[in-house]
């Protein structure tokens, strides 16, 4: 192909091969406490509540015997964040 060292070729037709559906559920619970003129807001955030491990990206480079379509990143694991805000 014109002396090019690399050639790009479609191995799989575009629009045929898809990864997992990405569904992420996040939850936030908060409560406001009032004490005179002072207000405290307490909150808990939980990310990826269902602990999905869907793959976000794949290795697109084909090398014979290589890791073609091997996962390169996945969703973050479930984690929580606690928060406190004081207004006075």
PDB file of N, CA and C in Angstrom:
ATOM      1  N   UNK A   1       0.836  -1.184   0.000  1.00  0.00           N
ATOM      2  CA  UNK A   1       0.000   0.000   0.000  1.00  0.00           C
ATOM      3  C   UNK A   1       0.881   1.247   0.000  1.00  0.00           C
ATOM      4  N   UNK A   2       1.602   1.471  -1.014  1.00  0.00           N
ATOM      5  CA  UNK A   2       2.406   2.665  -1.141  1.00  0.00           C
ATOM      6  C   UNK A   2       3.613   2.688  -0.225  1.00  0.00           C
ATOM      7  N   UNK A   3       4.090   1.542   0.222  1.00  0.00           N
ATOM      8  CA  UNK A   3       5.253   1.495   1.097  1.00  0.00           C
ATOM      9  C   UNK A   3       4.964   1.887   2.536  1.00  0.00           C
ATOM     10  N   UNK A   4       3.683   1.945   2.933  1.00  0.00           N
ATOM     11  CA  UNK A   4       3.325   2.316   4.309  1.00  0.00           C
ATOM     12  C   UNK A   4       3.646   1.159   5.255  1.00  0.00           C
ATOM     13  N   UNK A   5       4.293   1.433   6.403  1.00  0.00           N
ATOM     14  CA  UNK A   5       4.627   0.354   7.339  1.00  0.00           C
ATOM     15  C   UNK A   5       3.389  -0.192   8.069  1.00  0.00           C
ATOM     16  N   UNK A   6       2.341   0.600   8.182  1.00  0.00           N
ATOM     17  CA  UNK A   6       1.118   0.170   8.875  1.00  0.00           C
ATOM     18  C   UNK A   6      -0.084   0.436   7.991  1.00  0.00           C
ATOM     19  N   UNK A   7      -1.061  -0.442   8.082  1.00  0.00           N
ATOM     20  CA  UNK A   7      -2.282  -0.289   7.318  1.00  0.00           C
ATOM     21  C   UNK A   7      -3.459  -0.453   8.274  1.00  0.00           C
ATOM     22  N   UNK A   8      -4.447   0.433   8.181  1.00  0.00           N
ATOM     23  CA  UNK A   8      -5.650   0.329   8.995  1.00  0.00           C
ATOM     24  C   UNK A   8      -6.707  -0.427   8.210  1.00  0.00           C
ATOM     25  N   UNK A   9      -7.262  -1.484   8.844  1.00  0.00           N
ATOM     26  CA  UNK A   9      -8.298  -2.286   8.194  1.00  0.00           C
ATOM     27  C   UNK A   9      -9.370  -2.613   9.223  1.00  0.00           C
ATOM     28  N   UNK A  10     -10.640  -2.603   8.800  1.00  0.00           N
ATOM     29  CA  UNK A  10     -11.737  -2.974   9.690  1.00  0.00           C
ATOM     30  C   UNK A  10     -11.807  -4.490   9.794  1.00  0.00           C
ATOM     31  N   UNK A  11     -11.658  -5.027  11.010  1.00  0.00           N
ATOM     32  CA  UNK A  11     -11.778  -6.466  11.247  1.00  0.00           C
ATOM     33  C   UNK A  11     -13.244  -6.820  11.476  1.00  0.00           C
ATOM     34  N   UNK A  12     -13.936  -5.943  12.186  1.00  0.00           N
ATOM     35  CA  UNK A  12     -15.354  -6.118  12.490  1.00  0.00           C
ATOM     36  C   UNK A  12     -16.090  -4.936  11.883  1.00  0.00           C
ATOM     37  N   UNK A  13     -17.223  -5.181  11.268  1.00  0.00           N
ATOM     38  CA  UNK A  13     -18.008  -4.103  10.683  1.00  0.00           C
ATOM     39  C   UNK A  13     -18.415  -3.092  11.756  1.00  0.00           C
ATOM     40  N   UNK A  14     -18.353  -1.799  11.481  1.00  0.00           N
ATOM     41  CA  UNK A  14     -18.766  -0.783  12.449  1.00  0.00           C
ATOM     42  C   UNK A  14     -20.241  -0.946  12.829  1.00  0.00           C
ATOM     43  N   UNK A  15     -20.555  -0.768  14.114  1.00  0.00           N
ATOM     44  CA  UNK A  15     -21.926  -0.852  14.595  1.00  0.00           C
ATOM     45  C   UNK A  15     -22.398  -2.261  14.897  1.00  0.00           C
ATOM     46  N   UNK A  16     -21.487  -3.251  14.899  1.00  0.00           N
ATOM     47  CA  UNK A  16     -21.883  -4.640  15.147  1.00  0.00           C
ATOM     48  C   UNK A  16     -21.497  -5.094  16.555  1.00  0.00           C
ATOM     49  N   UNK A  17     -20.372  -4.661  17.056  1.00  0.00           N
ATOM     50  CA  UNK A  17     -19.837  -5.141  18.322  1.00  0.00           C
ATOM     51  C   UNK A  17     -19.940  -4.043  19.375  1.00  0.00           C
ATOM     52  N   UNK A  18     -20.681  -4.319  20.452  1.00  0.00           N
ATOM     53  CA  UNK A  18     -20.865  -3.346  21.536  1.00  0.00           C
ATOM     54  C   UNK A  18     -20.460  -3.966  22.865  1.00  0.00           C
ATOM     55  N   UNK A  19     -20.102  -3.128  23.821  1.00  0.00           N
ATOM     56  CA  UNK A  19     -19.781  -3.582  25.170  1.00  0.00           C
ATOM     57  C   UNK A  19     -21.025  -3.611  26.041  1.00  0.00           C
ATOM     58  N   UNK A  20     -20.820  -3.771  27.346  1.00  0.00           N
ATOM     59  CA  UNK A  20     -21.923  -3.810  28.301  1.00  0.00           C
ATOM     60  C   UNK A  20     -22.627  -2.468  28.374  1.00  0.00           C
ATOM     61  N   UNK A  21     -23.909  -2.520  28.723  1.00  0.00           N
ATOM     62  CA  UNK A  21     -24.660  -1.292  28.971  1.00  0.00           C
ATOM     63  C   UNK A  21     -24.175  -0.716  30.306  1.00  0.00           C
ATOM     64  N   UNK A  22     -23.976   0.573  30.351  1.00  0.00           N
ATOM     65  CA  UNK A  22     -23.484   1.223  31.567  1.00  0.00           C
ATOM     66  C   UNK A  22     -24.665   1.817  32.327  1.00  0.00           C
ATOM     67  N   UNK A  23     -24.965   1.233  33.474  1.00  0.00           N
ATOM     68  CA  UNK A  23     -26.001   1.736  34.370  1.00  0.00           C
ATOM     69  C   UNK A  23     -25.350   2.028  35.715  1.00  0.00           C
ATOM     70  N   UNK A  24     -25.474   3.249  36.170  1.00  0.00           N
ATOM     71  CA  UNK A  24     -24.907   3.624  37.459  1.00  0.00           C
ATOM     72  C   UNK A  24     -25.991   4.315  38.273  1.00  0.00           C
ATOM     73  N   UNK A  25     -26.153   3.871  39.524  1.00  0.00           N
ATOM     74  CA  UNK A  25     -27.140   4.459  40.423  1.00  0.00           C
ATOM     75  C   UNK A  25     -26.378   5.124  41.565  1.00  0.00           C
ATOM     76  N   UNK A  26     -26.607   6.425  41.738  1.00  0.00           N
ATOM     77  CA  UNK A  26     -26.015   7.176  42.843  1.00  0.00           C
ATOM     78  C   UNK A  26     -27.120   7.585  43.793  1.00  0.00           C
ATOM     79  N   UNK A  27     -26.801   7.674  45.087  1.00  0.00           N
ATOM     80  CA  UNK A  27     -27.791   8.008  46.102  1.00  0.00           C
ATOM     81  C   UNK A  27     -27.237   9.092  47.002  1.00  0.00           C
ATOM     82  N   UNK A  28     -28.065  10.070  47.320  1.00  0.00           N
ATOM     83  CA  UNK A  28     -27.691  11.133  48.271  1.00  0.00           C
ATOM     84  C   UNK A  28     -28.804  11.271  49.285  1.00  0.00           C
ATOM     85  N   UNK A  29     -28.417  11.255  50.565  1.00  0.00           N
ATOM     86  CA  UNK A  29     -29.351  11.444  51.667  1.00  0.00           C
ATOM     87  C   UNK A  29     -28.790  12.571  52.522  1.00  0.00           C
ATOM     88  N   UNK A  30     -29.639  13.527  52.860  1.00  0.00           N
ATOM     89  CA  UNK A  30     -29.187  14.656  53.675  1.00  0.00           C
ATOM     90  C   UNK A  30     -30.246  15.072  54.671  1.00  0.00           C
ATOM     91  N   UNK A  31     -29.804  15.723  55.730  1.00  0.00           N
ATOM     92  CA  UNK A  31     -30.707  16.200  56.775  1.00  0.00           C
ATOM     93  C   UNK A  31     -30.211  17.560  57.246  1.00  0.00           C
ATOM     94  N   UNK A  32     -31.146  18.496  57.425  1.00  0.00           N
ATOM     95  CA  UNK A  32     -30.820  19.837  57.924  1.00  0.00           C
ATOM     96  C   UNK A  32     -31.257  19.926  59.376  1.00  0.00           C
ATOM     97  N   UNK A  33     -30.328  20.338  60.225  1.00  0.00           N
ATOM     98  CA  UNK A  33     -30.609  20.555  61.649  1.00  0.00           C
ATOM     99  C   UNK A  33     -30.485  22.043  61.925  1.00  0.00           C
ATOM    100  N   UNK A  34     -31.510  22.629  62.586  1.00  0.00           N
ATOM    101  CA  UNK A  34     -31.481  24.047  62.939  1.00  0.00           C
ATOM    102  C   UNK A  34     -31.401  24.176  64.451  1.00  0.00           C
ATOM    103  N   UNK A  35     -30.441  25.014  64.901  1.00  0.00           N
ATOM    104  CA  UNK A  35     -30.252  25.276  66.328  1.00  0.00           C
ATOM    105  C   UNK A  35     -30.105  26.787  66.495  1.00  0.00           C
ATOM    106  N   UNK A  36     -31.224  27.455  66.733  1.00  0.00           N
ATOM    107  CA  UNK A  36     -31.194  28.914  66.812  1.00  0.00           C
ATOM    108  C   UNK A  36     -30.879  29.487  65.441  1.00  0.00           C
ATOM    109  N   UNK A  37     -29.798  30.305  65.371  1.00  0.00           N
ATOM    110  CA  UNK A  37     -29.390  30.903  64.095  1.00  0.00           C
ATOM    111  C   UNK A  37     -28.368  30.038  63.361  1.00  0.00           C
ATOM    112  N   UNK A  38     -27.993  28.920  63.970  1.00  0.00           N
ATOM    113  CA  UNK A  38     -27.007  28.024  63.363  1.00  0.00           C
ATOM    114  C   UNK A  38     -27.727  26.889  62.637  1.00  0.00           C
ATOM    115  N   UNK A  39     -27.200  26.556  61.508  1.00  0.00           N
ATOM    116  CA  UNK A  39     -27.782  25.469  60.721  1.00  0.00           C
ATOM    117  C   UNK A  39     -26.670  24.490  60.351  1.00  0.00           C
ATOM    118  N   UNK A  40     -26.950  23.190  60.511  1.00  0.00           N
ATOM    119  CA  UNK A  40     -25.999  22.141  60.147  1.00  0.00           C
ATOM    120  C   UNK A  40     -26.663  21.242  59.107  1.00  0.00           C
ATOM    121  N   UNK A  41     -25.941  20.984  58.047  1.00  0.00           N
ATOM    122  CA  UNK A  41     -26.419  20.075  57.010  1.00  0.00           C
ATOM    123  C   UNK A  41     -25.501  18.862  56.998  1.00  0.00           C
ATOM    124  N   UNK A  42     -26.088  17.683  57.224  1.00  0.00           N
ATOM    125  CA  UNK A  42     -25.340  16.425  57.241  1.00  0.00           C
ATOM    126  C   UNK A  42     -25.774  15.623  56.018  1.00  0.00           C
ATOM    127  N   UNK A  43     -24.820  15.055  55.300  1.00  0.00           N
ATOM    128  CA  UNK A  43     -25.164  14.308  54.098  1.00  0.00           C
ATOM    129  C   UNK A  43     -24.312  13.071  53.900  1.00  0.00           C
ATOM    130  N   UNK A  44     -24.876  12.101  53.210  1.00  0.00           N
ATOM    131  CA  UNK A  44     -24.174  10.880  52.823  1.00  0.00           C
ATOM    132  C   UNK A  44     -24.421  10.669  51.333  1.00  0.00           C
ATOM    133  N   UNK A  45     -23.355  10.540  50.570  1.00  0.00           N
ATOM    134  CA  UNK A  45     -23.438  10.253  49.139  1.00  0.00           C
ATOM    135  C   UNK A  45     -22.872   8.855  48.905  1.00  0.00           C
ATOM    136  N   UNK A  46     -23.613   8.034  48.185  1.00  0.00           N
ATOM    137  CA  UNK A  46     -23.131   6.704  47.819  1.00  0.00           C
ATOM    138  C   UNK A  46     -23.119   6.643  46.293  1.00  0.00           C
ATOM    139  N   UNK A  47     -21.937   6.384  45.748  1.00  0.00           N
ATOM    140  CA  UNK A  47     -21.753   6.321  44.301  1.00  0.00           C
ATOM    141  C   UNK A  47     -21.682   4.861  43.855  1.00  0.00           C
ATOM    142  N   UNK A  48     -22.261   4.572  42.699  1.00  0.00           N
ATOM    143  CA  UNK A  48     -22.315   3.215  42.136  1.00  0.00           C
ATOM    144  C   UNK A  48     -22.944   2.258  43.152  1.00  0.00           C
ATOM    145  N   UNK A  49     -24.143   2.605  43.581  1.00  0.00           N
ATOM    146  CA  UNK A  49     -24.860   1.875  44.626  1.00  0.00           C
ATOM    147  C   UNK A  49     -24.987   0.384  44.324  1.00  0.00           C
ATOM    148  N   UNK A  50     -25.209   0.011  43.087  1.00  0.00           N
ATOM    149  CA  UNK A  50     -25.387  -1.398  42.726  1.00  0.00           C
ATOM    150  C   UNK A  50     -24.066  -2.113  42.453  1.00  0.00           C
ATOM    151  N   UNK A  51     -22.960  -1.397  42.601  1.00  0.00           N
ATOM    152  CA  UNK A  51     -21.601  -1.924  42.427  1.00  0.00           C
ATOM    153  C   UNK A  51     -21.406  -2.572  41.058  1.00  0.00           C
ATOM    154  N   UNK A  52     -21.849  -1.877  40.023  1.00  0.00           N
ATOM    155  CA  UNK A  52     -21.673  -2.357  38.657  1.00  0.00           C
ATOM    156  C   UNK A  52     -20.196  -2.313  38.280  1.00  0.00           C
ATOM    157  N   UNK A  53     -19.762  -3.268  37.499  1.00  0.00           N
ATOM    158  CA  UNK A  53     -18.367  -3.301  37.042  1.00  0.00           C
ATOM    159  C   UNK A  53     -18.329  -3.320  35.512  1.00  0.00           C
ATOM    160  N   UNK A  54     -19.202  -2.534  34.884  1.00  0.00           N
ATOM    161  CA  UNK A  54     -19.259  -2.497  33.421  1.00  0.00           C
ATOM    162  C   UNK A  54     -17.950  -1.954  32.859  1.00  0.00           C
ATOM    163  N   UNK A  55     -17.552  -2.487  31.730  1.00  0.00           N
ATOM    164  CA  UNK A  55     -16.315  -2.067  31.075  1.00  0.00           C
ATOM    165  C   UNK A  55     -16.593  -0.796  30.271  1.00  0.00           C
ATOM    166  N   UNK A  56     -15.756   0.215  30.466  1.00  0.00           N
ATOM    167  CA  UNK A  56     -15.949   1.504  29.801  1.00  0.00           C
ATOM    168  C   UNK A  56     -15.162   1.608  28.496  1.00  0.00           C
ATOM    169  N   UNK A  57     -13.996   0.973  28.418  1.00  0.00           N
ATOM    170  CA  UNK A  57     -13.215   1.038  27.181  1.00  0.00           C
ATOM    171  C   UNK A  57     -12.434  -0.261  26.975  1.00  0.00           C
ATOM    172  N   UNK A  58     -12.179  -0.554  25.711  1.00  0.00           N
ATOM    173  CA  UNK A  58     -11.506  -1.791  25.314  1.00  0.00           C
ATOM    174  C   UNK A  58     -10.254  -1.470  24.510  1.00  0.00           C
ATOM    175  N   UNK A  59      -9.323  -2.406  24.479  1.00  0.00           N
ATOM    176  CA  UNK A  59      -8.130  -2.288  23.655  1.00  0.00           C
ATOM    177  C   UNK A  59      -8.552  -2.475  22.197  1.00  0.00           C
ATOM    178  N   UNK A  60      -8.359  -1.473  21.380  1.00  0.00           N
ATOM    179  CA  UNK A  60      -8.804  -1.512  19.992  1.00  0.00           C
ATOM    180  C   UNK A  60      -7.728  -1.986  19.019  1.00  0.00           C
ATOM    181  N   UNK A  61      -6.500  -2.119  19.490  1.00  0.00           N
ATOM    182  CA  UNK A  61      -5.397  -2.498  18.601  1.00  0.00           C
ATOM    183  C   UNK A  61      -5.323  -4.014  18.460  1.00  0.00           C
ATOM    184  N   UNK A  62      -5.376  -4.500  17.226  1.00  0.00           N
ATOM    185  CA  UNK A  62      -5.289  -5.944  16.980  1.00  0.00           C
ATOM    186  C   UNK A  62      -3.849  -6.321  16.704  1.00  0.00           C
ATOM    187  N   UNK A  63      -3.350  -7.229  17.510  1.00  0.00           N
ATOM    188  CA  UNK A  63      -2.043  -7.833  17.296  1.00  0.00           C
ATOM    189  C   UNK A  63      -2.273  -9.334  17.423  1.00  0.00           C
ATOM    190  N   UNK A  64      -1.834 -10.115  16.487  1.00  0.00           N
ATOM    191  CA  UNK A  64      -2.063 -11.559  16.531  1.00  0.00           C
ATOM    192  C   UNK A  64      -1.559 -12.132  17.850  1.00  0.00           C
ATOM    193  N   UNK A  65      -2.441 -12.809  18.579  1.00  0.00           N
ATOM    194  CA  UNK A  65      -2.085 -13.379  19.880  1.00  0.00           C
ATOM    195  C   UNK A  65      -2.066 -12.349  20.992  1.00  0.00           C
ATOM    196  N   UNK A  66      -2.481 -11.115  20.698  1.00  0.00           N
ATOM    197  CA  UNK A  66      -2.451 -10.036  21.689  1.00  0.00           C
ATOM    198  C   UNK A  66      -3.742  -9.913  22.477  1.00  0.00           C
ATOM    199  N   UNK A  67      -3.928  -8.787  23.104  1.00  0.00           N
ATOM    200  CA  UNK A  67      -5.078  -8.545  23.987  1.00  0.00           C
ATOM    201  C   UNK A  67      -6.159  -7.731  23.292  1.00  0.00           C
ATOM    202  N   UNK A  68      -6.497  -8.086  22.072  1.00  0.00           N
ATOM    203  CA  UNK A  68      -7.530  -7.362  21.340  1.00  0.00           C
ATOM    204  C   UNK A  68      -8.852  -7.451  22.086  1.00  0.00           C
ATOM    205  N   UNK A  69      -9.524  -6.336  22.249  1.00  0.00           N
ATOM    206  CA  UNK A  69     -10.779  -6.187  22.975  1.00  0.00           C
ATOM    207  C   UNK A  69     -10.662  -6.522  24.452  1.00  0.00           C
ATOM    208  N   UNK A  70      -9.462  -6.519  24.989  1.00  0.00           N
ATOM    209  CA  UNK A  70      -9.277  -6.670  26.431  1.00  0.00           C
ATOM    210  C   UNK A  70      -9.671  -5.363  27.113  1.00  0.00           C
ATOM    211  N   UNK A  71     -10.257  -5.413  28.308  1.00  0.00           N
ATOM    212  CA  UNK A  71     -10.691  -4.188  28.976  1.00  0.00           C
ATOM    213  C   UNK A  71      -9.509  -3.301  29.372  1.00  0.00           C
ATOM    214  N   UNK A  72      -9.666  -1.999  29.155  1.00  0.00           N
ATOM    215  CA  UNK A  72      -8.628  -1.055  29.577  1.00  0.00           C
ATOM    216  C   UNK A  72      -9.102  -0.162  30.717  1.00  0.00           C
ATOM    217  N   UNK A  73     -10.435  -0.055  30.920  1.00  0.00           N
ATOM    218  CA  UNK A  73     -10.954   0.667  32.087  1.00  0.00           C
ATOM    219  C   UNK A  73     -12.359   0.184  32.395  1.00  0.00           C
ATOM    220  N   UNK A  74     -12.712   0.232  33.664  1.00  0.00           N
ATOM    221  CA  UNK A  74     -14.052  -0.154  34.079  1.00  0.00           C
ATOM    222  C   UNK A  74     -14.574   0.860  35.088  1.00  0.00           C
ATOM    223  N   UNK A  75     -15.855   0.758  35.423  1.00  0.00           N
ATOM    224  CA  UNK A  75     -16.463   1.714  36.337  1.00  0.00           C
ATOM    225  C   UNK A  75     -15.801   1.632  37.707  1.00  0.00           C
ATOM    226  N   UNK A  76     -15.767   2.750  38.393  1.00  0.00           N
ATOM    227  CA  UNK A  76     -15.214   2.785  39.749  1.00  0.00           C
ATOM    228  C   UNK A  76     -16.075   1.951  40.679  1.00  0.00           C
ATOM    229  N   UNK A  77     -15.447   1.378  41.693  1.00  0.00           N
ATOM    230  CA  UNK A  77     -16.181   0.570  42.666  1.00  0.00           C
ATOM    231  C   UNK A  77     -17.091   1.454  43.516  1.00  0.00           C
ATOM    232  N   UNK A  78     -18.006   0.832  44.229  1.00  0.00           N
ATOM    233  CA  UNK A  78     -18.918   1.562  45.110  1.00  0.00           C
ATOM    234  C   UNK A  78     -18.093   2.290  46.189  1.00  0.00           C
ATOM    235  N   UNK A  79     -18.454   3.529  46.469  1.00  0.00           N
ATOM    236  CA  UNK A  79     -17.829   4.244  47.575  1.00  0.00           C
ATOM    237  C   UNK A  79     -18.790   5.279  48.112  1.00  0.00           C
ATOM    238  N   UNK A  80     -18.512   5.747  49.330  1.00  0.00           N
ATOM    239  CA  UNK A  80     -19.403   6.684  50.012  1.00  0.00           C
ATOM    240  C   UNK A  80     -18.628   7.924  50.433  1.00  0.00           C
ATOM    241  N   UNK A  81     -19.354   9.027  50.547  1.00  0.00           N
ATOM    242  CA  UNK A  81     -18.764  10.286  50.990  1.00  0.00           C
ATOM    243  C   UNK A  81     -19.674  10.855  52.071  1.00  0.00           C
ATOM    244  N   UNK A  82     -19.090  11.230  53.188  1.00  0.00           N
ATOM    245  CA  UNK A  82     -19.821  11.872  54.275  1.00  0.00           C
ATOM    246  C   UNK A  82     -19.528  13.364  54.230  1.00  0.00           C
ATOM    247  N   UNK A  83     -20.558  14.185  54.492  1.00  0.00           N
ATOM    248  CA  UNK A  83     -20.333  15.631  54.448  1.00  0.00           C
ATOM    249  C   UNK A  83     -21.050  16.307  55.605  1.00  0.00           C
ATOM    250  N   UNK A  84     -20.479  17.404  56.047  1.00  0.00           N
ATOM    251  CA  UNK A  84     -21.056  18.228  57.105  1.00  0.00           C
ATOM    252  C   UNK A  84     -20.801  19.678  56.743  1.00  0.00           C
ATOM    253  N   UNK A  85     -21.869  20.492  56.777  1.00  0.00           N
ATOM    254  CA  UNK A  85     -21.756  21.915  56.490  1.00  0.00           C
ATOM    255  C   UNK A  85     -22.380  22.676  57.641  1.00  0.00           C
ATOM    256  N   UNK A  86     -21.636  23.614  58.214  1.00  0.00           N
ATOM    257  CA  UNK A  86     -22.138  24.457  59.295  1.00  0.00           C
ATOM    258  C   UNK A  86     -22.296  25.878  58.805  1.00  0.00           C
ATOM    259  N   UNK A  87     -23.475  26.440  59.003  1.00  0.00           N
ATOM    260  CA  UNK A  87     -23.751  27.847  58.669  1.00  0.00           C
ATOM    261  C   UNK A  87     -24.099  28.569  59.954  1.00  0.00           C
ATOM    262  N   UNK A  88     -23.343  29.636  60.235  1.00  0.00           N
ATOM    263  CA  UNK A  88     -23.636  30.416  61.465  1.00  0.00           C
ATOM    264  C   UNK A  88     -23.488  31.875  61.193  1.00  0.00           C
TER     265      UNK A  88
END
